[in-house]
Amino acid sequence: MKHLKGWLSVSILWLLALLPLSLAQTLGGWIGRRAYKKRGKSYRITRTNIDFCFPALTDGQKEALSEASLIETGKMAGELGMSWLWRPERVMAKVARVCGEEVVEDALKQGRGVIVIGPHLGNWEVLGLYLSTRYTLTSMYRPPKIELMDRLIRKKRARLGAKLAPASVKGVRMAMKSLKAGEVLGILPDQEADSGSGVFAPFFGQDAYTMKLLPQLAAQTGAVVVSAYARRLPGAKGFEIIFHKAPEQINEKDLLRAATAMNSEVEYCVRQIPEQYQWEYKRFQHRPDGGRMY
């Protein structure tokens, strides 16, 4: 069954890759709007997270943000054919502008490694491809359960020479080696940590089980930590990539303070374009009292 699902997923990606960006986003947006109207699992998780993180919003505002978020998540899905299967130069032609990249360049000139934290915001695949066109890049990732998809993702994310480091002991060694060599390491910072590998730290004022790995890498290597995201521009006009220097507290050895600073930086990015954040992810799955939220 997994093999069949893998072939089906890959086939859909190839079909999406045949579409221009405008049509891919329109199709994805339609799917996202359907998910909102259906009031299924994606909607329930999205609305629960928004209720949790934005208690001051009115019910109408929460509904509007939930709908907008699911539409944008649908667009992200529609863009995967472009992100993974288009020629890299064709994808990069969709990057309309880049802001703040000097924070990365300045750190590398000083011989320091750079950790780029890219939340599930906008199109993180476009961001990853952009980084691999510019720098010697190692990206940490969690392999998907479907083997065929895993092979495709590894092949396409590495097509410009980026090294993929799995979330394992081997991957951590690769990350350390990259940073000590003064290179760039990319990490998605807002996935819930595996049991025993995280600490509860505030995110939008709520406790979230947060990875310890990134703060540990920053503290041990002295790397500069920078956040980045590829904002989806209206009217299918492409993407704007934005870099922002994270607070230096991320490099502290106190893991709670460092994880709190990391979450604060992710929150800063999300607040710029909250509708383009993947609110359907179970970010608050585990609670400090041992319970579950969803």
C-alpha atoms as a PDB file:
ATOM      1  CA  MET A   1       0.000   0.000   0.000  1.00  0.00           C
ATOM      2  CA  LYS A   2       2.828   2.420   0.869  1.00  0.00           C
ATOM      3  CA  HIS A   3       4.445   1.641  -2.502  1.00  0.00           C
ATOM      4  CA  LEU A   4       1.196   2.506  -4.298  1.00  0.00           C
ATOM      5  CA  LYS A   5       0.811   5.724  -2.300  1.00  0.00           C
ATOM      6  CA  GLY A   6       4.373   6.623  -3.191  1.00  0.00           C
ATOM      7  CA  TRP A   7       3.823   6.228  -6.912  1.00  0.00           C
ATOM      8  CA  LEU A   8       0.552   8.143  -6.711  1.00  0.00           C
ATOM      9  CA  SER A   9       2.213  11.024  -4.833  1.00  0.00           C
ATOM     10  CA  VAL A  10       5.082  11.216  -7.314  1.00  0.00           C
ATOM     11  CA  SER A  11       2.680  11.119 -10.258  1.00  0.00           C
ATOM     12  CA  ILE A  12       0.700  14.023  -8.811  1.00  0.00           C
ATOM     13  CA  LEU A  13       3.930  16.000  -8.351  1.00  0.00           C
ATOM     14  CA  TRP A  14       4.868  15.514 -12.002  1.00  0.00           C
ATOM     15  CA  LEU A  15       1.407  16.696 -13.076  1.00  0.00           C
ATOM     16  CA  LEU A  16       1.713  19.772 -10.840  1.00  0.00           C
ATOM     17  CA  ALA A  17       5.123  20.511 -12.344  1.00  0.00           C
ATOM     18  CA  LEU A  18       3.477  20.861 -15.758  1.00  0.00           C
ATOM     19  CA  LEU A  19       1.430  23.824 -14.515  1.00  0.00           C
ATOM     20  CA  PRO A  20       2.573  27.447 -14.457  1.00  0.00           C
ATOM     21  CA  LEU A  21       2.925  28.867 -10.944  1.00  0.00           C
ATOM     22  CA  SER A  22      -0.361  30.793 -11.193  1.00  0.00           C
ATOM     23  CA  LEU A  23      -2.407  27.676 -11.969  1.00  0.00           C
ATOM     24  CA  ALA A  24      -0.588  25.558  -9.386  1.00  0.00           C
ATOM     25  CA  GLN A  25      -1.354  28.143  -6.707  1.00  0.00           C
ATOM     26  CA  THR A  26      -4.966  28.471  -7.858  1.00  0.00           C
ATOM     27  CA  LEU A  27      -5.449  24.712  -7.679  1.00  0.00           C
ATOM     28  CA  GLY A  28      -3.755  24.478  -4.301  1.00  0.00           C
ATOM     29  CA  GLY A  29      -5.765  27.413  -2.976  1.00  0.00           C
ATOM     30  CA  TRP A  30      -8.983  25.729  -4.119  1.00  0.00           C
ATOM     31  CA  ILE A  31      -8.021  22.541  -2.258  1.00  0.00           C
ATOM     32  CA  GLY A  32      -7.227  24.577   0.853  1.00  0.00           C
ATOM     33  CA  ARG A  33     -10.577  26.388   0.671  1.00  0.00           C
ATOM     34  CA  ARG A  34     -12.333  23.027   0.342  1.00  0.00           C
ATOM     35  CA  ALA A  35     -10.493  21.805   3.450  1.00  0.00           C
ATOM     36  CA  TYR A  36     -11.756  24.856   5.323  1.00  0.00           C
ATOM     37  CA  LYS A  37     -15.373  24.369   4.245  1.00  0.00           C
ATOM     38  CA  LYS A  38     -15.255  20.637   4.956  1.00  0.00           C
ATOM     39  CA  ARG A  39     -14.337  21.310   8.601  1.00  0.00           C
ATOM     40  CA  GLY A  40     -12.212  18.157   8.701  1.00  0.00           C
ATOM     41  CA  LYS A  41      -9.025  17.280  10.564  1.00  0.00           C
ATOM     42  CA  SER A  42      -6.873  20.014   8.959  1.00  0.00           C
ATOM     43  CA  TYR A  43      -9.413  22.678   9.889  1.00  0.00           C
ATOM     44  CA  ARG A  44      -9.829  21.401  13.456  1.00  0.00           C
ATOM     45  CA  ILE A  45      -6.081  21.397  14.140  1.00  0.00           C
ATOM     46  CA  THR A  46      -5.635  24.802  12.494  1.00  0.00           C
ATOM     47  CA  ARG A  47      -8.468  26.370  14.464  1.00  0.00           C
ATOM     48  CA  THR A  48      -7.292  24.777  17.726  1.00  0.00           C
ATOM     49  CA  ASN A  49      -3.793  26.197  17.250  1.00  0.00           C
ATOM     50  CA  ILE A  50      -5.112  29.638  16.362  1.00  0.00           C
ATOM     51  CA  ASP A  51      -7.441  29.621  19.381  1.00  0.00           C
ATOM     52  CA  PHE A  52      -4.447  28.672  21.535  1.00  0.00           C
ATOM     53  CA  CYS A  53      -2.005  31.231  20.118  1.00  0.00           C
ATOM     54  CA  PHE A  54      -4.303  34.201  19.447  1.00  0.00           C
ATOM     55  CA  PRO A  55      -6.756  34.305  22.375  1.00  0.00           C
ATOM     56  CA  ALA A  56      -7.316  38.053  21.919  1.00  0.00           C
ATOM     57  CA  LEU A  57      -8.756  37.688  18.409  1.00  0.00           C
ATOM     58  CA  THR A  58     -12.509  37.680  17.914  1.00  0.00           C
ATOM     59  CA  ASP A  59     -14.185  34.508  16.688  1.00  0.00           C
ATOM     60  CA  GLY A  60     -14.610  36.083  13.259  1.00  0.00           C
ATOM     61  CA  GLN A  61     -10.928  36.994  13.079  1.00  0.00           C
ATOM     62  CA  LYS A  62      -9.927  33.465  14.079  1.00  0.00           C
ATOM     63  CA  GLU A  63     -12.159  32.013  11.366  1.00  0.00           C
ATOM     64  CA  ALA A  64     -10.715  34.370   8.760  1.00  0.00           C
ATOM     65  CA  LEU A  65      -7.151  33.445   9.727  1.00  0.00           C
ATOM     66  CA  SER A  66      -8.021  29.730   9.709  1.00  0.00           C
ATOM     67  CA  GLU A  67      -9.451  29.979   6.199  1.00  0.00           C
ATOM     68  CA  ALA A  68      -6.536  32.058   4.901  1.00  0.00           C
ATOM     69  CA  SER A  69      -4.010  29.668   6.452  1.00  0.00           C
ATOM     70  CA  LEU A  70      -5.559  26.558   4.892  1.00  0.00           C
ATOM     71  CA  ILE A  71      -5.671  28.303   1.505  1.00  0.00           C
ATOM     72  CA  GLU A  72      -1.984  29.216   1.783  1.00  0.00           C
ATOM     73  CA  THR A  73      -1.092  25.688   2.923  1.00  0.00           C
ATOM     74  CA  GLY A  74      -2.940  24.418  -0.138  1.00  0.00           C
ATOM     75  CA  LYS A  75      -0.868  26.741  -2.306  1.00  0.00           C
ATOM     76  CA  MET A  76       2.305  25.346  -0.746  1.00  0.00           C
ATOM     77  CA  ALA A  77       1.171  21.839  -1.716  1.00  0.00           C
ATOM     78  CA  GLY A  78       0.387  23.038  -5.227  1.00  0.00           C
ATOM     79  CA  GLU A  79       3.884  24.524  -5.501  1.00  0.00           C
ATOM     80  CA  LEU A  80       5.711  21.270  -4.696  1.00  0.00           C
ATOM     81  CA  GLY A  81       5.876  20.250  -8.345  1.00  0.00           C
ATOM     82  CA  MET A  82       7.596  23.537  -9.118  1.00  0.00           C
ATOM     83  CA  SER A  83       9.841  23.411  -6.041  1.00  0.00           C
ATOM     84  CA  TRP A  84      11.145  19.896  -6.603  1.00  0.00           C
ATOM     85  CA  LEU A  85      10.867  19.207 -10.330  1.00  0.00           C
ATOM     86  CA  TRP A  86      11.462  22.454 -12.192  1.00  0.00           C
ATOM     87  CA  ARG A  87      15.009  23.276 -13.238  1.00  0.00           C
ATOM     88  CA  PRO A  88      16.689  25.243 -10.407  1.00  0.00           C
ATOM     89  CA  GLU A  89      17.229  28.339 -12.547  1.00  0.00           C
ATOM     90  CA  ARG A  90      13.533  28.364 -13.449  1.00  0.00           C
ATOM     91  CA  VAL A  91      12.565  28.197  -9.771  1.00  0.00           C
ATOM     92  CA  MET A  92      15.050  30.937  -8.879  1.00  0.00           C
ATOM     93  CA  ALA A  93      13.530  33.166 -11.556  1.00  0.00           C
ATOM     94  CA  LYS A  94      10.449  33.256  -9.295  1.00  0.00           C
ATOM     95  CA  VAL A  95      12.428  34.894  -6.477  1.00  0.00           C
ATOM     96  CA  ALA A  96      11.432  38.520  -6.951  1.00  0.00           C
ATOM     97  CA  ARG A  97      13.671  40.010  -4.263  1.00  0.00           C
ATOM     98  CA  VAL A  98      15.858  39.143  -1.275  1.00  0.00           C
ATOM     99  CA  CYS A  99      16.111  41.207   1.920  1.00  0.00           C
ATOM    100  CA  GLY A 100      18.606  41.099   4.777  1.00  0.00           C
ATOM    101  CA  GLU A 101      20.991  38.507   3.341  1.00  0.00           C
ATOM    102  CA  GLU A 102      24.000  40.510   4.485  1.00  0.00           C
ATOM    103  CA  VAL A 103      23.645  38.987   7.971  1.00  0.00           C
ATOM    104  CA  VAL A 104      24.611  35.625   6.466  1.00  0.00           C
ATOM    105  CA  GLU A 105      27.378  37.014   4.274  1.00  0.00           C
ATOM    106  CA  ASP A 106      28.952  39.025   7.102  1.00  0.00           C
ATOM    107  CA  ALA A 107      29.092  35.995   9.400  1.00  0.00           C
ATOM    108  CA  LEU A 108      30.688  33.801   6.725  1.00  0.00           C
ATOM    109  CA  LYS A 109      33.292  36.471   5.989  1.00  0.00           C
ATOM    110  CA  GLN A 110      34.277  36.261   9.673  1.00  0.00           C
ATOM    111  CA  GLY A 111      34.814  32.525   9.269  1.00  0.00           C
ATOM    112  CA  ARG A 112      31.812  31.633  11.409  1.00  0.00           C
ATOM    113  CA  GLY A 113      29.272  28.978  10.594  1.00  0.00           C
ATOM    114  CA  VAL A 114      25.645  30.050  10.092  1.00  0.00           C
ATOM    115  CA  ILE A 115      22.527  28.226  11.227  1.00  0.00           C
ATOM    116  CA  VAL A 116      19.546  29.254   9.134  1.00  0.00           C
ATOM    117  CA  ILE A 117      16.274  28.466  10.890  1.00  0.00           C
ATOM    118  CA  GLY A 118      13.493  28.232   8.335  1.00  0.00           C
ATOM    119  CA  PRO A 119      10.030  27.818   9.911  1.00  0.00           C
ATOM    120  CA  HIS A 120       7.130  26.174   8.080  1.00  0.00           C
ATOM    121  CA  LEU A 121       6.285  29.593   6.700  1.00  0.00           C
ATOM    122  CA  GLY A 122       5.729  30.625   3.090  1.00  0.00           C
ATOM    123  CA  ASN A 123       7.545  28.177   0.809  1.00  0.00           C
ATOM    124  CA  TRP A 124      10.450  26.611   2.697  1.00  0.00           C
ATOM    125  CA  GLU A 125      11.434  24.475  -0.308  1.00  0.00           C
ATOM    126  CA  VAL A 126      12.145  27.614  -2.359  1.00  0.00           C
ATOM    127  CA  LEU A 127      14.190  28.943   0.562  1.00  0.00           C
ATOM    128  CA  GLY A 128      16.232  25.734   0.739  1.00  0.00           C
ATOM    129  CA  LEU A 129      16.925  25.749  -2.983  1.00  0.00           C
ATOM    130  CA  TYR A 130      17.959  29.408  -2.836  1.00  0.00           C
ATOM    131  CA  LEU A 131      20.417  28.693  -0.018  1.00  0.00           C
ATOM    132  CA  SER A 132      21.940  25.806  -1.964  1.00  0.00           C
ATOM    133  CA  THR A 133      22.536  28.080  -4.973  1.00  0.00           C
ATOM    134  CA  ARG A 134      24.455  30.525  -2.790  1.00  0.00           C
ATOM    135  CA  TYR A 135      26.300  28.569  -0.105  1.00  0.00           C
ATOM    136  CA  THR A 136      27.833  25.258   0.896  1.00  0.00           C
ATOM    137  CA  LEU A 137      24.722  23.932   2.598  1.00  0.00           C
ATOM    138  CA  THR A 138      23.865  21.063   4.902  1.00  0.00           C
ATOM    139  CA  SER A 139      20.152  20.601   5.600  1.00  0.00           C
ATOM    140  CA  MET A 140      18.749  18.568   8.459  1.00  0.00           C
ATOM    141  CA  TYR A 141      15.497  16.748   7.719  1.00  0.00           C
ATOM    142  CA  ARG A 142      13.157  14.026   8.912  1.00  0.00           C
ATOM    143  CA  PRO A 143      12.749  11.297   6.292  1.00  0.00           C
ATOM    144  CA  PRO A 144       9.085  10.750   5.280  1.00  0.00           C
ATOM    145  CA  LYS A 145       7.500   7.358   5.902  1.00  0.00           C
ATOM    146  CA  ILE A 146       7.020   6.651   2.178  1.00  0.00           C
ATOM    147  CA  GLU A 147      10.371   5.425   0.816  1.00  0.00           C
ATOM    148  CA  LEU A 148       9.760   6.563  -2.766  1.00  0.00           C
ATOM    149  CA  MET A 149       8.999  10.091  -1.572  1.00  0.00           C
ATOM    150  CA  ASP A 150      12.104  10.027   0.617  1.00  0.00           C
ATOM    151  CA  ARG A 151      14.280   9.166  -2.387  1.00  0.00           C
ATOM    152  CA  LEU A 152      12.682  11.924  -4.463  1.00  0.00           C
ATOM    153  CA  ILE A 153      13.056  14.546  -1.727  1.00  0.00           C
ATOM    154  CA  ARG A 154      16.695  13.675  -1.062  1.00  0.00           C
ATOM    155  CA  LYS A 155      17.516  13.746  -4.761  1.00  0.00           C
ATOM    156  CA  LYS A 156      15.804  17.061  -5.476  1.00  0.00           C
ATOM    157  CA  ARG A 157      16.923  18.897  -2.346  1.00  0.00           C
ATOM    158  CA  ALA A 158      20.513  17.818  -3.034  1.00  0.00           C
ATOM    159  CA  ARG A 159      20.521  18.531  -6.771  1.00  0.00           C
ATOM    160  CA  LEU A 160      22.757  21.584  -6.391  1.00  0.00           C
ATOM    161  CA  GLY A 161      25.179  19.941  -3.978  1.00  0.00           C
ATOM    162  CA  ALA A 162      23.423  20.422  -0.636  1.00  0.00           C
ATOM    163  CA  LYS A 163      24.148  17.679   1.887  1.00  0.00           C
ATOM    164  CA  LEU A 164      21.138  16.169   3.677  1.00  0.00           C
ATOM    165  CA  ALA A 165      21.628  15.253   7.316  1.00  0.00           C
ATOM    166  CA  PRO A 166      18.985  12.956   8.842  1.00  0.00           C
ATOM    167  CA  ALA A 167      17.728  13.511  12.362  1.00  0.00           C
ATOM    168  CA  SER A 168      20.149  10.965  13.819  1.00  0.00           C
ATOM    169  CA  VAL A 169      23.576  10.750  15.451  1.00  0.00           C
ATOM    170  CA  LYS A 170      25.126  10.656  11.985  1.00  0.00           C
ATOM    171  CA  GLY A 171      23.191  13.782  11.011  1.00  0.00           C
ATOM    172  CA  VAL A 172      24.332  15.648  14.115  1.00  0.00           C
ATOM    173  CA  ARG A 173      27.964  14.847  13.278  1.00  0.00           C
ATOM    174  CA  MET A 174      27.406  16.173   9.761  1.00  0.00           C
ATOM    175  CA  ALA A 175      25.886  19.366  11.182  1.00  0.00           C
ATOM    176  CA  MET A 176      28.785  19.930  13.577  1.00  0.00           C
ATOM    177  CA  LYS A 177      31.335  19.363  10.832  1.00  0.00           C
ATOM    178  CA  SER A 178      29.555  21.845   8.558  1.00  0.00           C
ATOM    179  CA  LEU A 179      29.407  24.611  11.163  1.00  0.00           C
ATOM    180  CA  LYS A 180      33.012  24.142  12.295  1.00  0.00           C
ATOM    181  CA  ALA A 181      34.048  24.480   8.645  1.00  0.00           C
ATOM    182  CA  GLY A 182      32.309  27.876   8.475  1.00  0.00           C
ATOM    183  CA  GLU A 183      29.450  26.663   6.279  1.00  0.00           C
ATOM    184  CA  VAL A 184      25.660  27.014   6.377  1.00  0.00           C
ATOM    185  CA  LEU A 185      23.324  24.624   8.173  1.00  0.00           C
ATOM    186  CA  GLY A 186      19.592  24.722   7.512  1.00  0.00           C
ATOM    187  CA  ILE A 187      17.075  23.502  10.117  1.00  0.00           C
ATOM    188  CA  LEU A 188      13.277  23.563  10.379  1.00  0.00           C
ATOM    189  CA  PRO A 189      12.993  24.768  14.003  1.00  0.00           C
ATOM    190  CA  ASP A 190       9.277  24.368  14.670  1.00  0.00           C
ATOM    191  CA  GLN A 191       8.782  20.606  14.536  1.00  0.00           C
ATOM    192  CA  GLU A 192       7.902  18.994  17.840  1.00  0.00           C
ATOM    193  CA  ALA A 193      10.971  17.295  19.281  1.00  0.00           C
ATOM    194  CA  ASP A 194      11.160  13.537  19.762  1.00  0.00           C
ATOM    195  CA  SER A 195      10.598  12.279  23.282  1.00  0.00           C
ATOM    196  CA  GLY A 196      13.593  13.064  25.484  1.00  0.00           C
ATOM    197  CA  SER A 197      15.215  15.422  22.984  1.00  0.00           C
ATOM    198  CA  GLY A 198      13.309  18.588  23.793  1.00  0.00           C
ATOM    199  CA  VAL A 199      12.373  21.099  26.448  1.00  0.00           C
ATOM    200  CA  PHE A 200       9.095  22.923  27.003  1.00  0.00           C
ATOM    201  CA  ALA A 201       9.561  26.574  26.002  1.00  0.00           C
ATOM    202  CA  PRO A 202       7.027  29.326  25.279  1.00  0.00           C
ATOM    203  CA  PHE A 203       5.755  29.814  21.736  1.00  0.00           C
ATOM    204  CA  PHE A 204       3.035  32.449  21.299  1.00  0.00           C
ATOM    205  CA  GLY A 205       2.769  32.422  25.084  1.00  0.00           C
ATOM    206  CA  GLN A 206       2.098  28.674  25.238  1.00  0.00           C
ATOM    207  CA  ASP A 207       4.391  25.816  26.247  1.00  0.00           C
ATOM    208  CA  ALA A 208       5.662  23.936  23.180  1.00  0.00           C
ATOM    209  CA  TYR A 209       7.946  20.910  23.247  1.00  0.00           C
ATOM    210  CA  THR A 210      10.970  22.396  21.520  1.00  0.00           C
ATOM    211  CA  MET A 211      14.115  20.800  20.100  1.00  0.00           C
ATOM    212  CA  LYS A 212      17.317  21.102  22.120  1.00  0.00           C
ATOM    213  CA  LEU A 213      19.525  20.256  19.147  1.00  0.00           C
ATOM    214  CA  LEU A 214      19.661  23.674  17.538  1.00  0.00           C
ATOM    215  CA  PRO A 215      20.588  25.588  20.725  1.00  0.00           C
ATOM    216  CA  GLN A 216      23.176  22.904  21.508  1.00  0.00           C
ATOM    217  CA  LEU A 217      24.750  23.260  18.073  1.00  0.00           C
ATOM    218  CA  ALA A 218      24.769  27.055  18.379  1.00  0.00           C
ATOM    219  CA  ALA A 219      26.364  26.962  21.847  1.00  0.00           C
ATOM    220  CA  GLN A 220      29.041  24.417  20.909  1.00  0.00           C
ATOM    221  CA  THR A 221      30.087  25.991  17.611  1.00  0.00           C
ATOM    222  CA  GLY A 222      29.517  29.710  18.173  1.00  0.00           C
ATOM    223  CA  ALA A 223      27.552  29.822  14.924  1.00  0.00           C
ATOM    224  CA  VAL A 224      25.498  32.873  13.985  1.00  0.00           C
ATOM    225  CA  VAL A 225      21.792  32.020  13.956  1.00  0.00           C
ATOM    226  CA  VAL A 226      19.633  33.632  11.279  1.00  0.00           C
ATOM    227  CA  SER A 227      15.962  33.130  10.507  1.00  0.00           C
ATOM    228  CA  ALA A 228      14.690  33.100   6.935  1.00  0.00           C
ATOM    229  CA  TYR A 229      11.513  32.488   4.982  1.00  0.00           C
ATOM    230  CA  ALA A 230      10.233  32.777   1.412  1.00  0.00           C
ATOM    231  CA  ARG A 231       7.087  34.907   1.498  1.00  0.00           C
ATOM    232  CA  ARG A 232       4.527  34.100  -1.176  1.00  0.00           C
ATOM    233  CA  LEU A 233       3.709  37.284  -3.105  1.00  0.00           C
ATOM    234  CA  PRO A 234       0.135  38.025  -4.173  1.00  0.00           C
ATOM    235  CA  GLY A 235      -0.983  37.488  -7.740  1.00  0.00           C
ATOM    236  CA  ALA A 236       1.458  34.615  -8.371  1.00  0.00           C
ATOM    237  CA  LYS A 237       4.275  37.157  -8.636  1.00  0.00           C
ATOM    238  CA  GLY A 238       6.776  34.821  -6.998  1.00  0.00           C
ATOM    239  CA  PHE A 239       8.517  34.986  -3.653  1.00  0.00           C
ATOM    240  CA  GLU A 240      10.397  37.397  -1.445  1.00  0.00           C
ATOM    241  CA  ILE A 241      13.153  35.814   0.669  1.00  0.00           C
ATOM    242  CA  ILE A 242      13.702  37.556   3.980  1.00  0.00           C
ATOM    243  CA  PHE A 243      16.611  37.032   6.402  1.00  0.00           C
ATOM    244  CA  HIS A 244      16.687  38.276  10.001  1.00  0.00           C
ATOM    245  CA  LYS A 245      19.393  37.921  12.655  1.00  0.00           C
ATOM    246  CA  ALA A 246      18.144  35.954  15.634  1.00  0.00           C
ATOM    247  CA  PRO A 247      18.808  37.031  19.257  1.00  0.00           C
ATOM    248  CA  GLU A 248      22.180  36.001  20.640  1.00  0.00           C
ATOM    249  CA  GLN A 249      20.492  34.230  23.556  1.00  0.00           C
ATOM    250  CA  ILE A 250      20.050  31.258  21.198  1.00  0.00           C
ATOM    251  CA  ASN A 251      23.785  30.587  21.696  1.00  0.00           C
ATOM    252  CA  GLU A 252      23.479  30.362  25.487  1.00  0.00           C
ATOM    253  CA  LYS A 253      24.298  27.089  27.241  1.00  0.00           C
ATOM    254  CA  ASP A 254      21.119  27.357  29.320  1.00  0.00           C
ATOM    255  CA  LEU A 255      18.877  25.257  27.076  1.00  0.00           C
ATOM    256  CA  LEU A 256      15.585  26.716  28.297  1.00  0.00           C
ATOM    257  CA  ARG A 257      16.722  30.288  27.693  1.00  0.00           C
ATOM    258  CA  ALA A 258      18.160  29.327  24.299  1.00  0.00           C
ATOM    259  CA  ALA A 259      15.038  27.416  23.219  1.00  0.00           C
ATOM    260  CA  THR A 260      12.877  30.317  24.375  1.00  0.00           C
ATOM    261  CA  ALA A 261      14.941  32.708  22.247  1.00  0.00           C
ATOM    262  CA  MET A 262      14.636  30.383  19.251  1.00  0.00           C
ATOM    263  CA  ASN A 263      10.855  30.145  19.597  1.00  0.00           C
ATOM    264  CA  SER A 264      10.703  33.914  20.000  1.00  0.00           C
ATOM    265  CA  GLU A 265      12.505  34.311  16.668  1.00  0.00           C
ATOM    266  CA  VAL A 266      10.157  31.866  14.955  1.00  0.00           C
ATOM    267  CA  GLU A 267       7.209  33.755  16.428  1.00  0.00           C
ATOM    268  CA  TYR A 268       8.641  37.027  15.106  1.00  0.00           C
ATOM    269  CA  CYS A 269       8.736  35.575  11.586  1.00  0.00           C
ATOM    270  CA  VAL A 270       5.243  34.098  11.817  1.00  0.00           C
ATOM    271  CA  ARG A 271       3.725  37.371  13.003  1.00  0.00           C
ATOM    272  CA  GLN A 272       4.915  39.032   9.771  1.00  0.00           C
ATOM    273  CA  ILE A 273       2.666  36.774   7.652  1.00  0.00           C
ATOM    274  CA  PRO A 274       0.584  34.590  10.021  1.00  0.00           C
ATOM    275  CA  GLU A 275      -1.686  33.372   7.226  1.00  0.00           C
ATOM    276  CA  GLN A 276       1.289  31.711   5.500  1.00  0.00           C
ATOM    277  CA  TYR A 277       2.240  29.625   8.547  1.00  0.00           C
ATOM    278  CA  GLN A 278       1.378  25.917   8.574  1.00  0.00           C
ATOM    279  CA  TRP A 279      -1.025  26.073  11.506  1.00  0.00           C
ATOM    280  CA  GLU A 280      -2.363  22.590  10.685  1.00  0.00           C
ATOM    281  CA  TYR A 281       0.801  21.045  12.166  1.00  0.00           C
ATOM    282  CA  LYS A 282       0.349  19.558  15.662  1.00  0.00           C
ATOM    283  CA  ARG A 283       2.848  21.919  17.287  1.00  0.00           C
ATOM    284  CA  PHE A 284       1.377  21.502  20.770  1.00  0.00           C
ATOM    285  CA  GLN A 285       0.773  17.765  20.636  1.00  0.00           C
ATOM    286  CA  HIS A 286       2.419  16.995  23.988  1.00  0.00           C
ATOM    287  CA  ARG A 287       1.650  19.015  27.084  1.00  0.00           C
ATOM    288  CA  PRO A 288       3.803  19.574  30.195  1.00  0.00           C
ATOM    289  CA  ASP A 289       1.328  17.568  32.329  1.00  0.00           C
ATOM    290  CA  GLY A 290       1.816  14.522  30.105  1.00  0.00           C
ATOM    291  CA  GLY A 291      -1.470  14.957  28.272  1.00  0.00           C
ATOM    292  CA  ARG A 292      -2.142  15.497  24.574  1.00  0.00           C
ATOM    293  CA  MET A 293      -3.838  18.455  22.962  1.00  0.00           C
ATOM    294  CA  TYR A 294      -5.343  17.077  19.748  1.00  0.00           C
END
